[in-house]
Amino acid sequence: MEKSSYAPGTPSWVDIGSPDPAATVAFYGALFGWTAEEGPPEAGGYRMALLNGKPVAGIGPAMNPGPPHWATYVAVTDADATTAKVTAAGGQVLVPPMDVMDVGRMAVFLDNVGAAFSIWQAKEFAGAVVVNEPGAFCWNELATRDVDKAIEFYPAVFGWDHKTSEMGPMRYTEWILDGASIAGMMPMPDMVPAQVPPHWMVYFAVEDCDATLAQATGLGATAMFGPIDIPIGRFAGLQDPQGAAFAVIALSGRGM
């Protein structure tokens, strides 16, 4: 699916800050068929990952200590106004609103229980051109130790509704915007070490979950869980060779 714009409140972009951007480009290029296009000097080494020549994700140098991670960006119309909503709802500002050349305006936050997320106010660049296709991101999911607090926070910031369903022994929440599911949330599994903070996970669509899992581990990734079958498809979690977590899913048809 190709996109030229995103409704406010919709995840619109994903990127990763890597301690070795060239290695990260090589890994995801081999896994998903991406090519990478480096930006101008003022972009500081940030690369646009392209699928069939169209933007799907960003890869840049690590800006902070600690393990790399995939960041989820939510589209907004006014980054400064959203920042005020974040702080009013109990979140913290990590990176205050800043212009990214002439392409947009961004900010980075922690929600009210410590999960990092970003926002994107589009100017020349709306976000990922290709989504929900093999090699592109198709879902963004919050894992948190306090579901109730998240349900207070994100609707106050983005106007999201929510729907919670039983999924086996777990309760799964879909974030709803204008009647459509645009992201998810799950309780942090008990086996996750306490030092792992709440976080947003990025899912990439693939044709074959098992084949992608095998290919990824052959390229140096570490399998974290799965493959697991769910009604909408078959998915697995991985850490790339630099340590960033992500998930892959072969969608069964109706998609996410």
Protein backbone atom coordinates (compact mmCIF):
# COMPACT_ATOMS: atom_id res chain seq x y z
CA MET A 1 0.00 0.00 0.00
CA GLU A 2 1.35 3.43 -0.94
CA LYS A 3 0.68 6.48 1.22
CA SER A 4 1.04 10.16 0.46
CA SER A 5 -0.31 11.49 3.76
CA TYR A 6 -1.23 10.34 7.27
CA ALA A 7 -4.15 11.36 9.44
CA PRO A 8 -3.03 12.94 12.72
CA GLY A 9 -2.64 10.23 15.34
CA THR A 10 -1.48 7.55 12.88
CA PRO A 11 1.96 5.92 13.08
CA SER A 12 3.70 7.31 10.01
CA TRP A 13 7.40 6.48 10.20
CA VAL A 14 9.95 4.21 11.86
CA ASP A 15 13.67 4.61 12.20
CA ILE A 16 16.67 3.24 14.03
CA GLY A 17 19.80 4.78 15.49
CA SER A 18 22.62 2.27 15.08
CA PRO A 19 26.17 2.15 16.44
CA ASP A 20 27.16 0.81 13.01
CA PRO A 21 24.80 2.23 10.38
CA ALA A 22 26.63 0.57 7.49
CA ALA A 23 26.19 -2.86 9.10
CA THR A 24 22.54 -2.10 9.83
CA VAL A 25 21.97 -1.08 6.21
CA ALA A 26 23.62 -4.31 5.05
CA PHE A 27 21.53 -6.49 7.37
CA TYR A 28 18.12 -5.04 6.55
CA GLY A 29 19.05 -4.71 2.89
CA ALA A 30 19.74 -8.44 2.73
CA LEU A 31 16.65 -9.30 4.80
CA PHE A 32 14.03 -6.99 3.27
CA GLY A 33 15.54 -5.95 -0.04
CA TRP A 34 16.09 -2.36 1.04
CA THR A 35 18.52 0.01 -0.56
CA ALA A 36 19.76 3.06 1.34
CA GLU A 37 20.07 6.65 0.22
CA GLU A 38 22.21 8.95 2.36
CA GLY A 39 20.88 12.42 3.00
CA PRO A 40 22.72 15.74 2.63
CA PRO A 41 25.60 16.57 5.02
CA GLU A 42 23.26 18.42 7.37
CA ALA A 43 21.35 15.14 7.86
CA GLY A 44 24.27 13.87 9.95
CA GLY A 45 24.61 10.48 8.27
CA TYR A 46 20.88 9.68 8.31
CA ARG A 47 19.93 7.30 5.52
CA MET A 48 16.56 6.74 3.91
CA ALA A 49 15.80 3.03 3.49
CA LEU A 50 14.01 2.42 0.20
CA LEU A 51 11.91 -0.51 -1.00
CA ASN A 52 11.70 -0.53 -4.77
CA GLY A 53 12.91 3.05 -4.66
CA LYS A 54 10.28 4.28 -2.17
CA PRO A 55 10.91 5.31 1.46
CA VAL A 56 9.99 2.76 4.13
CA ALA A 57 12.24 3.54 7.13
CA GLY A 58 15.19 5.56 8.38
CA ILE A 59 18.64 4.41 9.51
CA GLY A 60 20.97 6.78 11.29
CA PRO A 61 23.90 6.83 13.70
CA ALA A 62 23.11 6.18 17.37
CA MET A 63 22.50 9.45 19.20
CA ASN A 64 22.18 8.02 22.73
CA PRO A 65 23.98 5.42 24.84
CA GLY A 66 22.41 2.02 25.34
CA PRO A 67 21.20 -0.58 22.87
CA PRO A 68 19.73 0.56 19.56
CA HIS A 69 15.98 0.42 19.08
CA TRP A 70 13.38 0.94 16.41
CA ALA A 71 11.43 4.16 17.04
CA THR A 72 7.77 4.68 16.19
CA TYR A 73 6.68 8.15 14.99
CA VAL A 74 3.05 9.27 15.22
CA ALA A 75 1.79 11.92 12.80
CA VAL A 76 0.65 15.21 14.33
CA THR A 77 -0.39 18.58 12.96
CA ASP A 78 1.44 20.63 15.59
CA ALA A 79 4.47 19.21 17.39
CA ASP A 80 4.54 21.99 19.97
CA ALA A 81 0.87 21.60 20.88
CA THR A 82 1.34 17.82 21.17
CA THR A 83 4.31 18.37 23.47
CA ALA A 84 2.06 20.33 25.81
CA LYS A 85 -0.45 17.45 25.79
CA VAL A 86 2.32 14.95 26.57
CA THR A 87 3.52 16.83 29.63
CA ALA A 88 -0.04 17.49 30.81
CA ALA A 89 -0.73 13.74 30.63
CA GLY A 90 2.34 12.86 32.71
CA GLY A 91 4.89 12.18 29.97
CA GLN A 92 8.45 13.46 29.74
CA VAL A 93 10.18 15.35 26.94
CA LEU A 94 13.42 13.69 25.79
CA VAL A 95 13.93 15.78 22.64
CA PRO A 96 11.88 18.97 22.41
CA PRO A 97 10.27 19.91 19.10
CA MET A 98 12.92 20.56 16.47
CA ASP A 99 12.91 21.19 12.75
CA VAL A 100 14.47 18.53 10.53
CA MET A 101 15.69 20.69 7.66
CA ASP A 102 12.60 21.46 5.56
CA VAL A 103 11.09 17.97 5.71
CA GLY A 104 9.29 18.10 9.06
CA ARG A 105 9.32 18.79 12.77
CA MET A 106 9.85 16.08 15.38
CA ALA A 107 10.03 15.45 19.11
CA VAL A 108 10.76 12.44 21.33
CA PHE A 109 9.05 11.58 24.61
CA LEU A 110 8.58 9.02 27.34
CA ASP A 111 4.97 8.17 28.10
CA ASN A 112 3.67 8.16 31.67
CA VAL A 113 5.23 4.76 32.44
CA GLY A 114 8.51 5.17 30.56
CA ALA A 115 7.99 3.95 26.97
CA ALA A 116 9.75 6.07 24.36
CA PHE A 117 7.87 7.30 21.29
CA SER A 118 8.26 10.07 18.73
CA ILE A 119 6.04 12.44 16.78
CA TRP A 120 6.30 13.77 13.25
CA GLN A 121 4.80 17.00 11.96
CA ALA A 122 5.09 16.66 8.20
CA LYS A 123 6.31 19.43 5.96
CA GLU A 124 7.99 18.19 2.77
CA PHE A 125 7.96 14.56 3.92
CA ALA A 126 4.78 12.84 5.13
CA GLY A 127 6.30 9.52 6.24
CA ALA A 128 6.69 6.03 4.84
CA VAL A 129 5.50 5.84 1.24
CA VAL A 130 5.05 2.05 1.37
CA VAL A 131 3.40 0.28 4.34
CA ASN A 132 1.63 -3.04 4.98
CA GLU A 133 3.59 -4.84 2.26
CA PRO A 134 6.46 -7.33 2.57
CA GLY A 135 9.56 -5.37 3.52
CA ALA A 136 7.63 -2.44 5.03
CA PHE A 137 6.33 -1.77 8.52
CA CYS A 138 2.76 -2.87 9.11
CA TRP A 139 2.08 -2.55 12.86
CA ASN A 140 3.32 -0.74 15.95
CA GLU A 141 2.72 -2.24 19.39
CA LEU A 142 3.27 -0.98 22.91
CA ALA A 143 4.43 -3.47 25.54
CA THR A 144 3.87 -1.96 28.98
CA ARG A 145 3.68 -2.99 32.63
CA ASP A 146 0.76 -0.64 33.27
CA VAL A 147 -1.96 -0.96 30.63
CA ASP A 148 -4.40 1.18 32.60
CA LYS A 149 -2.01 4.15 32.75
CA ALA A 150 -1.36 3.86 29.01
CA ILE A 151 -5.11 3.95 28.43
CA GLU A 152 -5.16 7.26 30.30
CA PHE A 153 -2.17 8.69 28.44
CA TYR A 154 -2.48 8.00 24.70
CA PRO A 155 -6.12 9.04 24.26
CA ALA A 156 -5.28 12.33 26.01
CA VAL A 157 -2.35 12.94 23.65
CA PHE A 158 -3.63 11.57 20.31
CA GLY A 159 -7.39 11.18 20.76
CA TRP A 160 -7.20 7.41 20.42
CA ASP A 161 -10.03 5.10 21.42
CA HIS A 162 -9.28 1.54 22.47
CA LYS A 163 -10.75 -1.95 22.28
CA THR A 164 -9.51 -4.76 24.52
CA SER A 165 -10.07 -8.43 23.70
CA GLU A 166 -9.06 -11.76 25.17
CA MET A 167 -6.26 -13.38 23.18
CA GLY A 168 -5.76 -16.73 24.89
CA PRO A 169 -4.52 -16.02 28.43
CA MET A 170 -3.61 -12.43 27.52
CA ARG A 171 -5.69 -9.31 27.11
CA TYR A 172 -4.76 -7.42 23.93
CA THR A 173 -5.70 -3.80 23.25
CA GLU A 174 -6.14 -2.24 19.83
CA TRP A 175 -5.75 1.51 19.55
CA ILE A 176 -8.56 2.93 17.42
CA LEU A 177 -8.59 6.13 15.37
CA ASP A 178 -11.69 7.12 13.39
CA GLY A 179 -12.99 3.55 13.69
CA ALA A 180 -9.81 1.88 12.38
CA SER A 181 -7.19 -0.08 14.34
CA ILE A 182 -3.93 1.81 13.98
CA ALA A 183 -1.70 0.25 16.68
CA GLY A 184 -1.76 -2.25 19.54
CA MET A 185 -0.83 -2.75 23.17
CA MET A 186 -0.08 -5.76 25.32
CA PRO A 187 1.01 -6.31 28.92
CA MET A 188 4.73 -6.89 29.22
CA PRO A 189 5.22 -10.67 29.44
CA ASP A 190 6.31 -11.94 32.86
CA MET A 191 9.46 -13.54 31.45
CA VAL A 192 10.82 -10.18 30.25
CA PRO A 193 13.62 -9.04 32.61
CA ALA A 194 12.74 -6.13 34.89
CA GLN A 195 15.51 -3.99 33.38
CA VAL A 196 13.79 -4.03 29.98
CA PRO A 197 11.72 -0.84 29.85
CA PRO A 198 8.26 -0.58 28.36
CA HIS A 199 8.64 -0.03 24.64
CA TRP A 200 7.05 0.24 21.24
CA MET A 201 7.75 -2.72 18.93
CA VAL A 202 7.82 -2.31 15.15
CA TYR A 203 6.44 -5.14 12.99
CA PHE A 204 7.57 -5.62 9.39
CA ALA A 205 5.45 -7.60 6.93
CA VAL A 206 7.06 -10.60 5.22
CA GLU A 207 5.92 -13.26 2.78
CA ASP A 208 7.03 -16.22 4.90
CA CYS A 209 7.69 -15.86 8.64
CA ASP A 210 9.69 -19.08 9.01
CA ALA A 211 11.88 -18.41 6.00
CA THR A 212 12.54 -14.84 7.16
CA LEU A 213 13.41 -16.05 10.65
CA ALA A 214 15.90 -18.52 9.23
CA GLN A 215 17.37 -15.92 6.90
CA ALA A 216 17.67 -13.33 9.69
CA THR A 217 19.49 -15.68 12.05
CA GLY A 218 21.76 -16.67 9.18
CA LEU A 219 22.61 -12.99 8.80
CA GLY A 220 23.54 -12.72 12.48
CA ALA A 221 20.22 -11.87 14.15
CA THR A 222 19.01 -13.57 17.34
CA ALA A 223 15.55 -15.17 17.55
CA MET A 224 13.65 -13.91 20.61
CA PHE A 225 10.34 -15.78 20.20
CA GLY A 226 8.16 -17.55 17.69
CA PRO A 227 7.05 -18.29 15.14
CA ILE A 228 3.59 -17.93 16.71
CA ASP A 229 0.27 -18.29 14.89
CA ILE A 230 -2.48 -15.74 15.57
CA PRO A 231 -5.71 -15.14 13.64
CA ILE A 232 -4.18 -12.47 11.41
CA GLY A 233 -0.98 -14.32 10.60
CA ARG A 234 2.27 -15.86 11.85
CA PHE A 235 4.89 -13.76 13.60
CA ALA A 236 8.26 -13.90 15.35
CA GLY A 237 10.51 -11.56 17.30
CA LEU A 238 14.18 -10.92 16.58
CA GLN A 239 17.16 -8.86 17.63
CA ASP A 240 19.26 -7.61 14.75
CA PRO A 241 23.06 -8.04 14.88
CA GLN A 242 23.41 -4.66 16.64
CA GLY A 243 20.84 -5.63 19.31
CA ALA A 244 17.71 -3.81 18.13
CA ALA A 245 14.44 -5.70 18.61
CA PHE A 246 11.85 -5.96 15.86
CA ALA A 247 9.13 -8.36 14.75
CA VAL A 248 8.18 -9.90 11.43
CA ILE A 249 4.74 -11.13 10.46
CA ALA A 250 3.32 -12.99 7.48
CA LEU A 251 -0.21 -11.65 7.31
CA SER A 252 -2.96 -14.13 6.60
CA GLY A 253 -5.11 -11.84 4.47
CA ARG A 254 -7.07 -9.22 6.30
CA GLY A 255 -3.97 -7.54 7.66
CA MET A 256 -3.61 -5.34 10.67
